[in-house]
Amino acid sequence: MPIYEYQCDHCGRVEEVLQKITDESLTRCNHCSGKLHKLISQSSFHLKGTGWYVTDYAGKSKTQSNAQKPETASKTAESGESKPTTEGTSSNDD
């Protein structure tokens, strides 16, 4: 059942009431007997089960980004070491 909010025109008090959709709207304030009007408020809901981003895909982006970074490349970059290469060298065995 949804929770509806009503505000009194006379005293300004806001009341939250748990009602069925088919129930009649409240018209009188319980505090001062002033006229009530229904407020439009933001509703919240939680998507449960599988197939939603929160349950199935949120953790995968972290594990994929960690898997793409090889540990040896990051350790080499941190220490500033470079591997010697033999390209471009020639032997002078003439």
N, C-alpha and C. Protein backbone atom coordinates (compact mmCIF):
# COMPACT_ATOMS: atom_id res chain seq x y z
N MET A 1 0.84 -1.19 0.00
CA MET A 1 0.00 0.00 0.00
C MET A 1 0.88 1.25 0.00
N PRO A 2 0.50 2.23 -0.78
CA PRO A 2 1.30 3.47 -0.83
C PRO A 2 1.05 4.38 0.38
N ILE A 3 2.03 5.22 0.63
CA ILE A 3 1.92 6.23 1.69
C ILE A 3 1.62 7.56 1.01
N TYR A 4 0.55 8.21 1.44
CA TYR A 4 0.17 9.51 0.90
C TYR A 4 0.45 10.59 1.93
N GLU A 5 0.81 11.79 1.44
CA GLU A 5 1.04 12.92 2.32
C GLU A 5 -0.08 13.94 2.13
N TYR A 6 -0.56 14.45 3.23
CA TYR A 6 -1.60 15.49 3.23
C TYR A 6 -1.09 16.67 4.04
N GLN A 7 -1.43 17.89 3.60
CA GLN A 7 -1.08 19.09 4.34
C GLN A 7 -2.33 19.87 4.68
N CYS A 8 -2.38 20.35 5.91
CA CYS A 8 -3.54 21.11 6.38
C CYS A 8 -3.40 22.57 5.92
N ASP A 9 -4.48 23.12 5.37
CA ASP A 9 -4.48 24.51 4.95
C ASP A 9 -4.49 25.46 6.14
N HIS A 10 -5.03 25.03 7.27
CA HIS A 10 -5.18 25.89 8.44
C HIS A 10 -3.91 25.93 9.30
N CYS A 11 -3.42 24.78 9.74
CA CYS A 11 -2.27 24.75 10.66
C CYS A 11 -0.95 24.42 9.95
N GLY A 12 -0.99 23.96 8.70
CA GLY A 12 0.22 23.66 7.95
C GLY A 12 0.87 22.32 8.27
N ARG A 13 0.26 21.57 9.14
CA ARG A 13 0.81 20.26 9.54
C ARG A 13 0.74 19.29 8.36
N VAL A 14 1.82 18.49 8.20
CA VAL A 14 1.87 17.48 7.15
C VAL A 14 1.70 16.11 7.80
N GLU A 15 0.78 15.32 7.25
CA GLU A 15 0.52 13.98 7.77
C GLU A 15 0.79 12.95 6.68
N GLU A 16 1.39 11.83 7.09
CA GLU A 16 1.59 10.71 6.18
C GLU A 16 0.59 9.63 6.55
N VAL A 17 -0.13 9.11 5.53
CA VAL A 17 -1.17 8.13 5.77
C VAL A 17 -0.97 6.95 4.83
N LEU A 18 -1.00 5.76 5.39
CA LEU A 18 -0.91 4.53 4.61
C LEU A 18 -2.33 4.18 4.15
N GLN A 19 -2.56 4.25 2.83
CA GLN A 19 -3.89 4.02 2.27
C GLN A 19 -3.82 3.15 1.04
N LYS A 20 -4.90 2.47 0.76
CA LYS A 20 -5.05 1.78 -0.51
C LYS A 20 -5.33 2.82 -1.59
N ILE A 21 -5.07 2.45 -2.82
CA ILE A 21 -5.34 3.36 -3.93
C ILE A 21 -6.84 3.63 -4.04
N THR A 22 -7.65 2.66 -3.69
CA THR A 22 -9.10 2.80 -3.81
C THR A 22 -9.74 3.54 -2.65
N ASP A 23 -8.99 3.79 -1.57
CA ASP A 23 -9.54 4.53 -0.41
C ASP A 23 -9.80 5.98 -0.77
N GLU A 24 -10.80 6.55 -0.12
CA GLU A 24 -11.13 7.96 -0.30
C GLU A 24 -10.03 8.84 0.30
N SER A 25 -9.77 9.98 -0.33
CA SER A 25 -8.80 10.94 0.20
C SER A 25 -9.31 11.55 1.49
N LEU A 26 -8.38 11.86 2.40
CA LEU A 26 -8.76 12.51 3.65
C LEU A 26 -9.11 13.97 3.37
N THR A 27 -10.07 14.51 4.14
CA THR A 27 -10.50 15.88 3.91
C THR A 27 -10.30 16.78 5.12
N ARG A 28 -10.22 16.22 6.34
CA ARG A 28 -10.11 17.02 7.56
C ARG A 28 -8.88 16.63 8.37
N CYS A 29 -8.19 17.64 8.90
CA CYS A 29 -7.00 17.45 9.73
C CYS A 29 -7.39 16.86 11.08
N ASN A 30 -6.63 15.87 11.53
CA ASN A 30 -6.89 15.27 12.84
C ASN A 30 -6.50 16.20 13.99
N HIS A 31 -5.64 17.16 13.73
CA HIS A 31 -5.16 18.06 14.77
C HIS A 31 -6.09 19.26 14.99
N CYS A 32 -6.49 19.95 13.90
CA CYS A 32 -7.28 21.18 14.05
C CYS A 32 -8.59 21.17 13.27
N SER A 33 -8.90 20.08 12.60
CA SER A 33 -10.10 19.94 11.77
C SER A 33 -10.11 20.86 10.56
N GLY A 34 -8.94 21.36 10.15
CA GLY A 34 -8.84 22.18 8.95
C GLY A 34 -8.90 21.31 7.70
N LYS A 35 -8.99 21.99 6.56
CA LYS A 35 -9.11 21.29 5.29
C LYS A 35 -7.74 20.75 4.85
N LEU A 36 -7.70 19.48 4.41
CA LEU A 36 -6.47 18.84 3.95
C LEU A 36 -6.42 18.81 2.43
N HIS A 37 -5.23 18.93 1.89
CA HIS A 37 -5.04 18.67 0.47
C HIS A 37 -3.85 17.72 0.30
N LYS A 38 -3.97 16.85 -0.71
CA LYS A 38 -2.97 15.82 -0.95
C LYS A 38 -1.75 16.44 -1.60
N LEU A 39 -0.58 16.08 -1.10
CA LEU A 39 0.68 16.55 -1.66
C LEU A 39 1.21 15.54 -2.68
N ILE A 40 1.92 16.06 -3.66
CA ILE A 40 2.59 15.19 -4.62
C ILE A 40 4.03 15.05 -4.12
N SER A 41 4.41 13.84 -3.81
CA SER A 41 5.75 13.61 -3.28
C SER A 41 6.46 12.55 -4.11
N GLN A 42 7.78 12.53 -3.98
CA GLN A 42 8.59 11.58 -4.73
C GLN A 42 8.47 10.21 -4.09
N SER A 43 8.17 9.24 -4.89
CA SER A 43 8.10 7.88 -4.37
C SER A 43 9.43 7.19 -4.61
N SER A 44 9.71 6.20 -3.80
CA SER A 44 10.93 5.44 -3.99
C SER A 44 10.58 3.96 -4.06
N PHE A 45 11.40 3.23 -4.79
CA PHE A 45 11.19 1.79 -4.88
C PHE A 45 12.54 1.14 -5.10
N HIS A 46 12.62 -0.13 -4.82
CA HIS A 46 13.86 -0.88 -4.95
C HIS A 46 13.63 -2.05 -5.89
N LEU A 47 14.45 -2.16 -6.92
CA LEU A 47 14.32 -3.25 -7.87
C LEU A 47 15.03 -4.47 -7.31
N LYS A 48 14.30 -5.54 -7.11
CA LYS A 48 14.86 -6.76 -6.53
C LYS A 48 14.93 -7.85 -7.58
N GLY A 49 15.83 -8.77 -7.37
CA GLY A 49 15.96 -9.90 -8.28
C GLY A 49 17.16 -9.73 -9.18
N THR A 50 17.29 -10.61 -10.15
CA THR A 50 18.42 -10.55 -11.06
C THR A 50 18.07 -9.77 -12.31
N GLY A 51 19.10 -9.35 -13.04
CA GLY A 51 18.88 -8.64 -14.28
C GLY A 51 18.97 -7.14 -14.16
N TRP A 52 19.20 -6.61 -12.97
CA TRP A 52 19.31 -5.17 -12.78
C TRP A 52 20.77 -4.80 -12.63
N TYR A 53 21.13 -3.58 -12.94
CA TYR A 53 22.51 -3.10 -12.89
C TYR A 53 23.12 -3.32 -11.51
N VAL A 54 22.40 -3.00 -10.47
CA VAL A 54 22.94 -3.08 -9.11
C VAL A 54 23.33 -4.50 -8.74
N THR A 55 22.54 -5.48 -9.13
CA THR A 55 22.81 -6.85 -8.72
C THR A 55 23.74 -7.60 -9.66
N ASP A 56 23.74 -7.27 -10.95
CA ASP A 56 24.48 -8.08 -11.91
C ASP A 56 25.70 -7.41 -12.52
N TYR A 57 25.66 -6.10 -12.73
CA TYR A 57 26.72 -5.46 -13.52
C TYR A 57 27.58 -4.48 -12.75
N ALA A 58 27.18 -4.03 -11.60
CA ALA A 58 27.92 -3.00 -10.88
C ALA A 58 29.31 -3.46 -10.48
N GLY A 59 29.48 -4.68 -10.03
CA GLY A 59 30.78 -5.17 -9.60
C GLY A 59 31.69 -5.60 -10.73
N LYS A 60 31.14 -5.85 -11.91
CA LYS A 60 31.93 -6.35 -13.02
C LYS A 60 32.87 -5.29 -13.58
N SER A 61 32.51 -4.03 -13.55
CA SER A 61 33.38 -3.00 -14.11
C SER A 61 34.67 -2.89 -13.31
N LYS A 62 34.63 -3.11 -12.02
CA LYS A 62 35.83 -3.06 -11.19
C LYS A 62 36.74 -4.24 -11.48
N THR A 63 36.18 -5.43 -11.61
CA THR A 63 37.00 -6.61 -11.85
C THR A 63 37.58 -6.60 -13.25
N GLN A 64 36.87 -6.09 -14.23
CA GLN A 64 37.39 -6.03 -15.59
C GLN A 64 38.53 -5.03 -15.70
N SER A 65 38.44 -3.88 -15.05
CA SER A 65 39.51 -2.90 -15.14
C SER A 65 40.77 -3.40 -14.43
N ASN A 66 40.63 -4.17 -13.37
CA ASN A 66 41.78 -4.75 -12.69
C ASN A 66 42.41 -5.86 -13.52
N ALA A 67 41.61 -6.60 -14.26
CA ALA A 67 42.12 -7.70 -15.07
C ALA A 67 42.88 -7.18 -16.28
N GLN A 68 42.58 -6.00 -16.76
CA GLN A 68 43.24 -5.44 -17.93
C GLN A 68 44.63 -4.91 -17.61
N LYS A 69 44.94 -4.65 -16.36
CA LYS A 69 46.24 -4.12 -15.97
C LYS A 69 47.14 -5.26 -15.52
N PRO A 70 48.13 -5.64 -16.32
CA PRO A 70 49.04 -6.68 -15.86
C PRO A 70 49.93 -6.14 -14.75
N GLU A 71 50.22 -6.98 -13.77
CA GLU A 71 50.98 -6.54 -12.61
C GLU A 71 52.41 -6.20 -12.97
N THR A 72 53.04 -6.93 -13.88
CA THR A 72 54.43 -6.67 -14.22
C THR A 72 54.61 -5.33 -14.89
N ALA A 73 53.67 -4.93 -15.73
CA ALA A 73 53.78 -3.65 -16.42
C ALA A 73 53.64 -2.51 -15.42
N SER A 74 52.75 -2.65 -14.46
CA SER A 74 52.57 -1.58 -13.48
C SER A 74 53.76 -1.50 -12.54
N LYS A 75 54.39 -2.63 -12.17
CA LYS A 75 55.56 -2.61 -11.30
C LYS A 75 56.75 -1.99 -12.01
N THR A 76 56.94 -2.30 -13.29
CA THR A 76 58.03 -1.74 -14.08
C THR A 76 57.86 -0.24 -14.23
N ALA A 77 56.65 0.21 -14.49
CA ALA A 77 56.39 1.63 -14.66
C ALA A 77 56.63 2.39 -13.35
N GLU A 78 56.30 1.78 -12.22
CA GLU A 78 56.47 2.44 -10.93
C GLU A 78 57.95 2.57 -10.57
N SER A 79 58.77 1.56 -10.88
CA SER A 79 60.17 1.59 -10.48
C SER A 79 61.03 2.37 -11.46
N GLY A 80 60.52 2.65 -12.66
CA GLY A 80 61.26 3.41 -13.64
C GLY A 80 62.25 2.57 -14.41
N GLU A 81 62.21 1.26 -14.28
CA GLU A 81 63.13 0.38 -14.97
C GLU A 81 62.69 0.22 -16.42
N SER A 82 63.65 -0.03 -17.27
CA SER A 82 63.32 -0.32 -18.66
C SER A 82 64.11 -1.55 -19.08
N LYS A 83 63.54 -2.31 -19.98
CA LYS A 83 64.20 -3.53 -20.46
C LYS A 83 65.17 -3.17 -21.58
N PRO A 84 66.37 -3.74 -21.56
CA PRO A 84 67.30 -3.46 -22.66
C PRO A 84 66.83 -4.13 -23.93
N THR A 85 67.03 -3.46 -25.03
CA THR A 85 66.63 -4.02 -26.31
C THR A 85 67.86 -4.22 -27.17
N THR A 86 67.81 -5.18 -28.06
CA THR A 86 68.92 -5.46 -28.96
C THR A 86 68.65 -4.96 -30.36
N GLU A 87 67.54 -4.33 -30.56
CA GLU A 87 67.21 -3.82 -31.89
C GLU A 87 68.07 -2.60 -32.20
N GLY A 88 68.47 -2.50 -33.43
CA GLY A 88 69.22 -1.33 -33.86
C GLY A 88 70.71 -1.45 -33.59
N THR A 89 71.18 -2.51 -32.97
CA THR A 89 72.60 -2.70 -32.74
C THR A 89 73.15 -3.62 -33.81
N SER A 90 74.31 -3.35 -34.22
CA SER A 90 74.94 -4.19 -35.24
C SER A 90 76.30 -4.67 -34.74
N SER A 91 76.68 -5.81 -35.19
CA SER A 91 77.98 -6.32 -34.78
C SER A 91 79.01 -5.99 -35.85
N ASN A 92 80.19 -5.64 -35.45
CA ASN A 92 81.25 -5.29 -36.39
C ASN A 92 82.24 -6.42 -36.48
N ASP A 93 81.82 -7.52 -37.04
CA ASP A 93 82.68 -8.68 -37.20
C ASP A 93 83.28 -8.71 -38.60
N ASP A 94 83.75 -7.60 -39.14
CA ASP A 94 84.29 -7.55 -40.48
C ASP A 94 85.65 -8.11 -40.57
